[in-house]
Each structure stands twice: as C-alpha cells, then as structure tokens.
C-alpha cells in the first residue's frame, strides 16, 4: 500500500515505514503529524484517486528531526561595472517517518 501526498508544494510517494526529508514542518521531535493533502492511494489492485473519496484520507508520520540543508550560493555580477552580489541560503527541513496510511 502506498500513497501520494503533497507537502511543502511537492508531491511525494510514501509507504508505511518510509523515512523522508520534507520542507520544514511545525512540531517537536517525536510528535505525530498528519499529512492530509492525499492525492492517490493504491492498495494492491485498488486505486483511489477521487478527490471526494480522499477528503478524509491522511498519512500519519512521526517527526524524527529538524535541520538545515547544505548551503546554496547565488552569485550575480555585471562585467566592467564593479557590481558583485554573493548570497547564500540554507533551506530548513524536517525528517519524518511514515507510520500509517489512513484511507477512506
């Protein structure tokens, strides 16, 4: 059984027991979070993709940790104009482990 959920503007295929990294979620380590934007559930040969049927579906996960990704450097310059801009960014993330998929 697997599901496709949306979190952080991205769609992710998940199964029970999966450990994945998603955009930062609110909550402490060890808390349970419900991902309720489910787009698809596949259980053996049964496929559920109807938005009306998936309104009550959710995926339960446990927060395993928070962190920040590697630094990404953005550098702009204009030749012969002495304009140079260097910026760095580290994206925060949350690591979660899927415990169960609650279908409709």
N, C-alpha and C. Protein backbone atom coordinates (compact mmCIF):
# COMPACT_ATOMS: atom_id res chain seq x y z
N UNK A 1 0.85 -1.18 0.00
CA UNK A 1 0.00 0.00 0.00
C UNK A 1 0.88 1.23 0.00
N UNK A 2 0.59 2.16 -0.90
CA UNK A 2 1.32 3.42 -0.91
C UNK A 2 0.37 4.56 -1.24
N UNK A 3 0.85 5.78 -0.99
CA UNK A 3 0.02 6.96 -1.22
C UNK A 3 0.91 8.06 -1.80
N UNK A 4 0.27 9.00 -2.48
CA UNK A 4 0.94 10.20 -2.97
C UNK A 4 0.37 11.37 -2.19
N UNK A 5 1.23 12.06 -1.43
CA UNK A 5 0.80 13.20 -0.62
C UNK A 5 1.53 14.44 -1.06
N UNK A 6 0.92 15.59 -0.77
CA UNK A 6 1.55 16.87 -1.08
C UNK A 6 1.96 17.53 0.22
N UNK A 7 3.22 17.91 0.30
CA UNK A 7 3.73 18.63 1.47
C UNK A 7 4.84 19.57 1.00
N UNK A 8 4.75 20.80 1.43
CA UNK A 8 5.76 21.79 1.04
C UNK A 8 5.73 22.11 -0.44
N UNK A 9 4.58 21.96 -1.10
CA UNK A 9 4.49 22.27 -2.51
C UNK A 9 5.02 21.18 -3.43
N UNK A 10 5.35 20.04 -2.85
CA UNK A 10 5.88 18.92 -3.64
C UNK A 10 5.02 17.69 -3.39
N UNK A 11 4.92 16.83 -4.39
CA UNK A 11 4.20 15.58 -4.23
C UNK A 11 5.21 14.46 -4.01
N UNK A 12 4.93 13.62 -3.00
CA UNK A 12 5.86 12.57 -2.61
C UNK A 12 5.10 11.25 -2.51
N UNK A 13 5.71 10.17 -3.02
CA UNK A 13 5.14 8.84 -2.90
C UNK A 13 5.67 8.23 -1.60
N UNK A 14 4.75 7.78 -0.73
CA UNK A 14 5.15 7.28 0.59
C UNK A 14 4.52 5.93 0.86
N UNK A 15 5.22 5.13 1.67
CA UNK A 15 4.73 3.86 2.18
C UNK A 15 4.95 3.86 3.68
N UNK A 16 4.28 2.97 4.38
CA UNK A 16 4.48 2.86 5.82
C UNK A 16 5.93 2.44 6.08
N UNK A 17 6.58 3.16 6.99
CA UNK A 17 7.98 2.86 7.32
C UNK A 17 8.99 3.72 6.58
N UNK A 18 8.57 4.49 5.59
CA UNK A 18 9.49 5.34 4.83
C UNK A 18 10.03 6.47 5.70
N UNK A 19 11.30 6.77 5.54
CA UNK A 19 11.94 7.90 6.19
C UNK A 19 12.25 8.92 5.10
N UNK A 20 11.67 10.12 5.21
CA UNK A 20 11.87 11.10 4.15
C UNK A 20 12.10 12.49 4.70
N UNK A 21 12.69 13.31 3.85
CA UNK A 21 13.00 14.69 4.18
C UNK A 21 12.04 15.59 3.42
N UNK A 22 11.33 16.46 4.16
CA UNK A 22 10.36 17.36 3.56
C UNK A 22 10.67 18.78 4.01
N UNK A 23 9.95 19.74 3.43
CA UNK A 23 10.09 21.13 3.87
C UNK A 23 9.74 21.23 5.34
N UNK A 24 10.23 22.26 6.00
CA UNK A 24 10.08 22.41 7.45
C UNK A 24 8.61 22.32 7.88
N UNK A 25 8.34 21.45 8.87
CA UNK A 25 7.02 21.31 9.46
C UNK A 25 7.06 21.80 10.90
N UNK A 26 5.94 22.30 11.38
CA UNK A 26 5.85 22.78 12.76
C UNK A 26 5.64 21.59 13.67
N UNK A 27 6.43 21.51 14.74
CA UNK A 27 6.27 20.43 15.71
C UNK A 27 7.61 20.05 16.30
N UNK A 28 7.56 19.40 17.44
CA UNK A 28 8.77 18.95 18.13
C UNK A 28 9.12 17.54 17.69
N UNK A 29 10.36 17.14 17.97
CA UNK A 29 10.82 15.80 17.65
C UNK A 29 10.01 14.80 18.48
N UNK A 30 9.49 13.78 17.82
CA UNK A 30 8.68 12.77 18.48
C UNK A 30 7.19 12.99 18.35
N UNK A 31 6.77 14.17 17.91
CA UNK A 31 5.35 14.45 17.73
C UNK A 31 4.83 13.76 16.47
N UNK A 32 3.52 13.51 16.46
CA UNK A 32 2.86 12.92 15.30
C UNK A 32 2.25 14.03 14.46
N UNK A 33 2.46 13.96 13.15
CA UNK A 33 1.86 14.93 12.24
C UNK A 33 0.99 14.17 11.24
N UNK A 34 -0.09 14.82 10.81
CA UNK A 34 -0.97 14.24 9.80
C UNK A 34 -0.81 15.01 8.50
N UNK A 35 -0.47 14.31 7.44
CA UNK A 35 -0.40 14.90 6.10
C UNK A 35 -1.74 14.60 5.45
N UNK A 36 -2.58 15.64 5.32
CA UNK A 36 -3.95 15.39 4.87
C UNK A 36 -4.20 15.74 3.42
N UNK A 37 -3.19 16.21 2.70
CA UNK A 37 -3.37 16.50 1.27
C UNK A 37 -2.96 15.27 0.46
N UNK A 38 -3.82 14.27 0.49
CA UNK A 38 -3.57 12.99 -0.19
C UNK A 38 -4.17 13.06 -1.59
N UNK A 39 -3.37 12.71 -2.60
CA UNK A 39 -3.82 12.76 -3.99
C UNK A 39 -4.15 11.38 -4.56
N UNK A 40 -3.56 10.33 -3.97
CA UNK A 40 -3.73 8.99 -4.53
C UNK A 40 -3.44 7.96 -3.45
N UNK A 41 -4.23 6.88 -3.42
CA UNK A 41 -3.95 5.74 -2.56
C UNK A 41 -4.05 4.49 -3.42
N UNK A 42 -3.02 3.65 -3.35
CA UNK A 42 -3.01 2.38 -4.07
C UNK A 42 -2.86 1.27 -3.04
N UNK A 43 -3.85 0.38 -3.00
CA UNK A 43 -3.83 -0.74 -2.07
C UNK A 43 -4.01 -2.02 -2.87
N UNK A 44 -2.89 -2.64 -3.22
CA UNK A 44 -2.94 -3.82 -4.07
C UNK A 44 -3.41 -3.44 -5.45
N UNK A 45 -4.58 -3.96 -5.87
CA UNK A 45 -5.13 -3.63 -7.17
C UNK A 45 -6.15 -2.51 -7.11
N UNK A 46 -6.46 -2.02 -5.90
CA UNK A 46 -7.46 -0.97 -5.72
C UNK A 46 -6.79 0.39 -5.74
N UNK A 47 -7.24 1.25 -6.66
CA UNK A 47 -6.68 2.60 -6.80
C UNK A 47 -7.77 3.61 -6.48
N UNK A 48 -7.46 4.52 -5.55
CA UNK A 48 -8.41 5.57 -5.19
C UNK A 48 -7.78 6.90 -5.55
N UNK A 49 -8.39 7.63 -6.50
CA UNK A 49 -7.87 8.93 -6.93
C UNK A 49 -8.96 9.99 -6.96
N UNK A 50 -10.15 9.65 -6.49
CA UNK A 50 -11.27 10.58 -6.49
C UNK A 50 -11.13 11.59 -5.35
N UNK A 51 -11.10 12.90 -5.65
CA UNK A 51 -10.93 13.89 -4.58
C UNK A 51 -12.01 13.82 -3.51
N UNK A 52 -13.22 13.45 -3.86
CA UNK A 52 -14.28 13.32 -2.88
C UNK A 52 -14.02 12.19 -1.89
N UNK A 53 -13.47 11.09 -2.38
CA UNK A 53 -13.16 9.95 -1.52
C UNK A 53 -11.93 10.20 -0.66
N UNK A 54 -11.04 11.06 -1.12
CA UNK A 54 -9.77 11.29 -0.41
C UNK A 54 -9.83 12.45 0.58
N UNK A 55 -10.99 13.07 0.77
CA UNK A 55 -11.09 14.18 1.72
C UNK A 55 -10.79 13.75 3.14
N UNK A 56 -11.16 12.51 3.50
CA UNK A 56 -10.93 12.03 4.86
C UNK A 56 -9.63 11.24 4.99
N UNK A 57 -8.94 11.01 3.90
CA UNK A 57 -7.70 10.23 3.95
C UNK A 57 -6.56 11.07 4.50
N UNK A 58 -5.67 10.43 5.24
CA UNK A 58 -4.47 11.11 5.75
C UNK A 58 -3.34 10.12 5.92
N UNK A 59 -2.15 10.68 5.99
CA UNK A 59 -0.96 9.88 6.22
C UNK A 59 -0.36 10.35 7.54
N UNK A 60 -0.17 9.42 8.47
CA UNK A 60 0.40 9.74 9.78
C UNK A 60 1.90 9.52 9.74
N UNK A 61 2.62 10.46 10.35
CA UNK A 61 4.08 10.37 10.39
C UNK A 61 4.58 10.91 11.73
N UNK A 62 5.79 10.50 12.10
CA UNK A 62 6.43 10.96 13.33
C UNK A 62 7.63 11.80 12.94
N UNK A 63 7.79 12.94 13.59
CA UNK A 63 8.94 13.82 13.32
C UNK A 63 10.17 13.21 13.97
N UNK A 64 11.20 12.97 13.16
CA UNK A 64 12.45 12.38 13.65
C UNK A 64 13.52 13.43 13.90
N UNK A 65 13.42 14.58 13.23
CA UNK A 65 14.43 15.62 13.45
C UNK A 65 14.23 16.80 12.52
N UNK A 66 14.91 17.89 12.87
CA UNK A 66 14.91 19.10 12.06
C UNK A 66 16.36 19.41 11.69
N UNK A 67 16.54 20.16 10.63
CA UNK A 67 17.89 20.54 10.24
C UNK A 67 17.87 21.57 9.13
N UNK A 68 19.07 21.85 8.63
CA UNK A 68 19.21 22.77 7.51
C UNK A 68 20.07 22.10 6.45
N UNK A 69 19.67 22.28 5.20
CA UNK A 69 20.34 21.65 4.07
C UNK A 69 21.69 22.32 3.82
N UNK A 70 22.43 21.80 2.86
CA UNK A 70 23.72 22.40 2.52
C UNK A 70 23.52 23.79 1.94
N UNK A 71 24.54 24.61 2.01
CA UNK A 71 24.43 25.99 1.55
C UNK A 71 24.44 26.06 0.02
N UNK A 72 23.54 26.87 -0.50
CA UNK A 72 23.48 27.13 -1.94
C UNK A 72 23.93 28.57 -2.14
N UNK A 73 24.89 28.79 -3.02
CA UNK A 73 25.45 30.11 -3.27
C UNK A 73 24.81 30.69 -4.53
N UNK A 74 24.32 31.93 -4.43
CA UNK A 74 23.80 32.66 -5.59
C UNK A 74 24.74 33.84 -5.82
N UNK A 75 25.36 33.90 -6.97
CA UNK A 75 26.33 34.94 -7.26
C UNK A 75 25.94 35.65 -8.54
N UNK A 76 25.81 36.98 -8.47
CA UNK A 76 25.49 37.80 -9.65
C UNK A 76 26.60 38.80 -9.84
N UNK A 77 26.89 39.11 -11.08
CA UNK A 77 27.84 40.18 -11.34
C UNK A 77 27.58 40.78 -12.71
N UNK A 78 28.05 42.01 -12.89
CA UNK A 78 27.99 42.66 -14.19
C UNK A 78 29.42 43.03 -14.56
N UNK A 79 29.83 42.55 -15.69
CA UNK A 79 31.21 42.78 -16.09
C UNK A 79 31.47 44.27 -16.33
N UNK A 80 32.63 44.69 -15.95
CA UNK A 80 33.13 46.05 -16.12
C UNK A 80 32.33 47.11 -15.35
N UNK A 81 31.44 46.73 -14.45
CA UNK A 81 30.62 47.69 -13.72
C UNK A 81 30.89 47.65 -12.21
N UNK A 82 31.75 46.74 -11.77
CA UNK A 82 32.08 46.59 -10.35
C UNK A 82 30.84 46.29 -9.51
N UNK A 83 29.93 45.47 -10.06
CA UNK A 83 28.75 45.05 -9.33
C UNK A 83 28.86 43.54 -9.10
N UNK A 84 28.96 43.17 -7.82
CA UNK A 84 29.06 41.77 -7.46
C UNK A 84 28.19 41.54 -6.22
N UNK A 85 27.30 40.55 -6.30
CA UNK A 85 26.42 40.24 -5.18
C UNK A 85 26.53 38.74 -4.92
N UNK A 86 26.92 38.39 -3.70
CA UNK A 86 27.02 36.99 -3.33
C UNK A 86 26.09 36.74 -2.15
N UNK A 87 25.18 35.77 -2.35
CA UNK A 87 24.23 35.43 -1.29
C UNK A 87 24.25 33.93 -1.07
N UNK A 88 24.05 33.53 0.16
CA UNK A 88 23.96 32.12 0.50
C UNK A 88 22.62 31.81 1.13
N UNK A 89 22.17 30.56 0.98
CA UNK A 89 20.87 30.16 1.54
C UNK A 89 20.96 28.72 2.00
N UNK A 90 20.45 28.46 3.20
CA UNK A 90 20.34 27.09 3.70
C UNK A 90 18.87 26.81 4.00
N UNK A 91 18.29 25.88 3.27
CA UNK A 91 16.86 25.57 3.39
C UNK A 91 16.60 24.69 4.62
N UNK A 92 15.69 25.11 5.51
CA UNK A 92 15.35 24.26 6.65
C UNK A 92 14.49 23.07 6.21
N UNK A 93 14.68 21.92 6.87
CA UNK A 93 13.92 20.73 6.53
C UNK A 93 13.52 19.98 7.79
N UNK A 94 12.58 19.07 7.63
CA UNK A 94 12.14 18.18 8.70
C UNK A 94 12.24 16.75 8.18
N UNK A 95 12.77 15.87 9.01
CA UNK A 95 12.86 14.47 8.64
C UNK A 95 11.72 13.74 9.35
N UNK A 96 10.89 13.04 8.57
CA UNK A 96 9.75 12.33 9.15
C UNK A 96 9.77 10.87 8.76
N UNK A 97 9.11 10.04 9.59
CA UNK A 97 8.96 8.63 9.28
C UNK A 97 7.47 8.32 9.24
N UNK A 98 7.03 7.76 8.11
CA UNK A 98 5.61 7.46 7.91
C UNK A 98 5.26 6.23 8.74
N UNK A 99 4.19 6.33 9.54
CA UNK A 99 3.78 5.20 10.38
C UNK A 99 2.59 4.46 9.78
N UNK A 100 1.61 5.21 9.24
CA UNK A 100 0.45 4.52 8.66
C UNK A 100 -0.25 5.42 7.64
N UNK A 101 -0.99 4.74 6.73
CA UNK A 101 -1.80 5.42 5.74
C UNK A 101 -3.25 5.13 6.06
N UNK A 102 -3.99 6.18 6.36
CA UNK A 102 -5.40 6.02 6.74
C UNK A 102 -6.26 6.38 5.53
N UNK A 103 -6.80 5.39 4.86
CA UNK A 103 -7.61 5.61 3.66
C UNK A 103 -9.04 5.91 4.00
N UNK A 104 -9.81 6.17 2.97
CA UNK A 104 -11.23 6.49 3.18
C UNK A 104 -12.05 5.21 3.21
